[in-house]
Protein backbone atom coordinates (compact mmCIF):
# COMPACT_ATOMS: atom_id res chain seq x y z
CA UNK A 1 89.46 117.22 66.74
CA UNK A 2 88.63 117.39 70.58
CA UNK A 3 88.66 113.78 72.00
CA UNK A 4 86.93 113.02 75.30
CA UNK A 5 90.19 111.77 77.02
CA UNK A 6 92.38 114.46 75.27
CA UNK A 7 95.78 114.89 77.04
CA UNK A 8 95.85 118.41 78.74
CA UNK A 9 98.25 120.85 77.43
CA UNK A 10 99.00 124.45 77.61
CA UNK A 11 96.25 125.44 75.34
CA UNK A 12 93.61 127.82 76.50
CA UNK A 13 90.22 126.49 77.27
CA UNK A 14 87.04 127.92 78.73
CA UNK A 15 88.39 127.59 82.28
CA UNK A 16 91.81 129.34 81.19
CA UNK A 17 94.97 127.67 80.55
CA UNK A 18 95.66 124.09 81.60
CA UNK A 19 99.09 124.00 83.21
CA UNK A 20 101.75 121.42 83.88
CA UNK A 21 100.11 120.53 87.23
CA UNK A 22 96.89 119.28 85.31
CA UNK A 23 99.21 117.45 82.59
CA UNK A 24 101.10 115.79 85.48
CA UNK A 25 97.84 114.81 87.25
CA UNK A 26 96.57 113.29 84.07
CA UNK A 27 99.82 111.37 83.62
CA UNK A 28 99.64 110.09 87.13
CA UNK A 29 95.90 109.19 86.79
CA UNK A 30 96.67 107.29 83.51
CA UNK A 31 99.53 105.51 85.56
CA UNK A 32 97.41 104.61 88.21
CA UNK A 33 94.81 103.31 85.81
CA UNK A 34 97.50 101.07 84.13
CA UNK A 35 98.64 99.75 87.44
CA UNK A 36 95.09 98.86 88.26
CA UNK A 37 94.57 97.07 84.93
CA UNK A 38 97.80 95.06 85.45
CA UNK A 39 96.64 94.23 89.04
CA UNK A 40 93.22 93.02 87.69
CA UNK A 41 94.94 91.01 85.06
CA UNK A 42 97.20 89.26 87.61
CA UNK A 43 94.33 88.56 89.75
CA UNK A 44 92.52 86.90 86.82
CA UNK A 45 95.46 84.98 85.72
CA UNK A 46 95.71 83.57 89.39
CA UNK A 47 91.93 82.89 89.64
CA UNK A 48 92.32 81.04 86.13
CA UNK A 49 95.18 79.06 87.32
CA UNK A 50 93.41 78.06 90.41
CA UNK A 51 90.30 77.15 88.62
CA UNK A 52 92.25 75.02 86.25
CA UNK A 53 94.10 73.27 88.99
CA UNK A 54 90.87 72.50 90.60
CA UNK A 55 89.54 71.07 87.46
CA UNK A 56 92.68 69.15 87.13
CA UNK A 57 92.41 67.73 90.48
CA UNK A 58 88.71 66.89 89.98
CA UNK A 59 89.69 64.99 86.66
CA UNK A 60 92.36 63.08 88.68
CA UNK A 61 89.82 62.17 91.39
CA UNK A 62 87.10 61.04 88.85
CA UNK A 63 89.84 58.91 87.18
CA UNK A 64 90.79 57.29 90.63
CA UNK A 65 86.89 56.64 91.12
CA UNK A 66 86.55 55.25 87.53
CA UNK A 67 89.63 52.86 88.28
CA UNK A 68 87.95 51.85 91.66
CA UNK A 69 84.58 51.00 89.99
CA UNK A 70 86.41 49.00 87.30
CA UNK A 71 88.23 47.13 89.87
CA UNK A 72 85.12 46.39 91.78
CA UNK A 73 83.22 45.26 88.82
CA UNK A 74 86.26 42.93 87.86
CA UNK A 75 86.10 41.53 91.36
CA UNK A 76 82.37 41.02 91.20
CA UNK A 77 82.53 39.11 88.01
């Protein structure tokens, strides 16, 4: 019945009674972890968008180089 990340309550334990301060601290810790999780997700989405944008730019540049090569081959023929 005892989970590792059990939410503190007013139940007695080995160190005495876990009070409202500990419960509030736990809730604040959980809120901070959620904010960190959202910030990491946001940073990863920005990084992914940047990488996809760069890949798109590279595809465009390769397409332009292919077209230039085709034009040079047509002129040479």
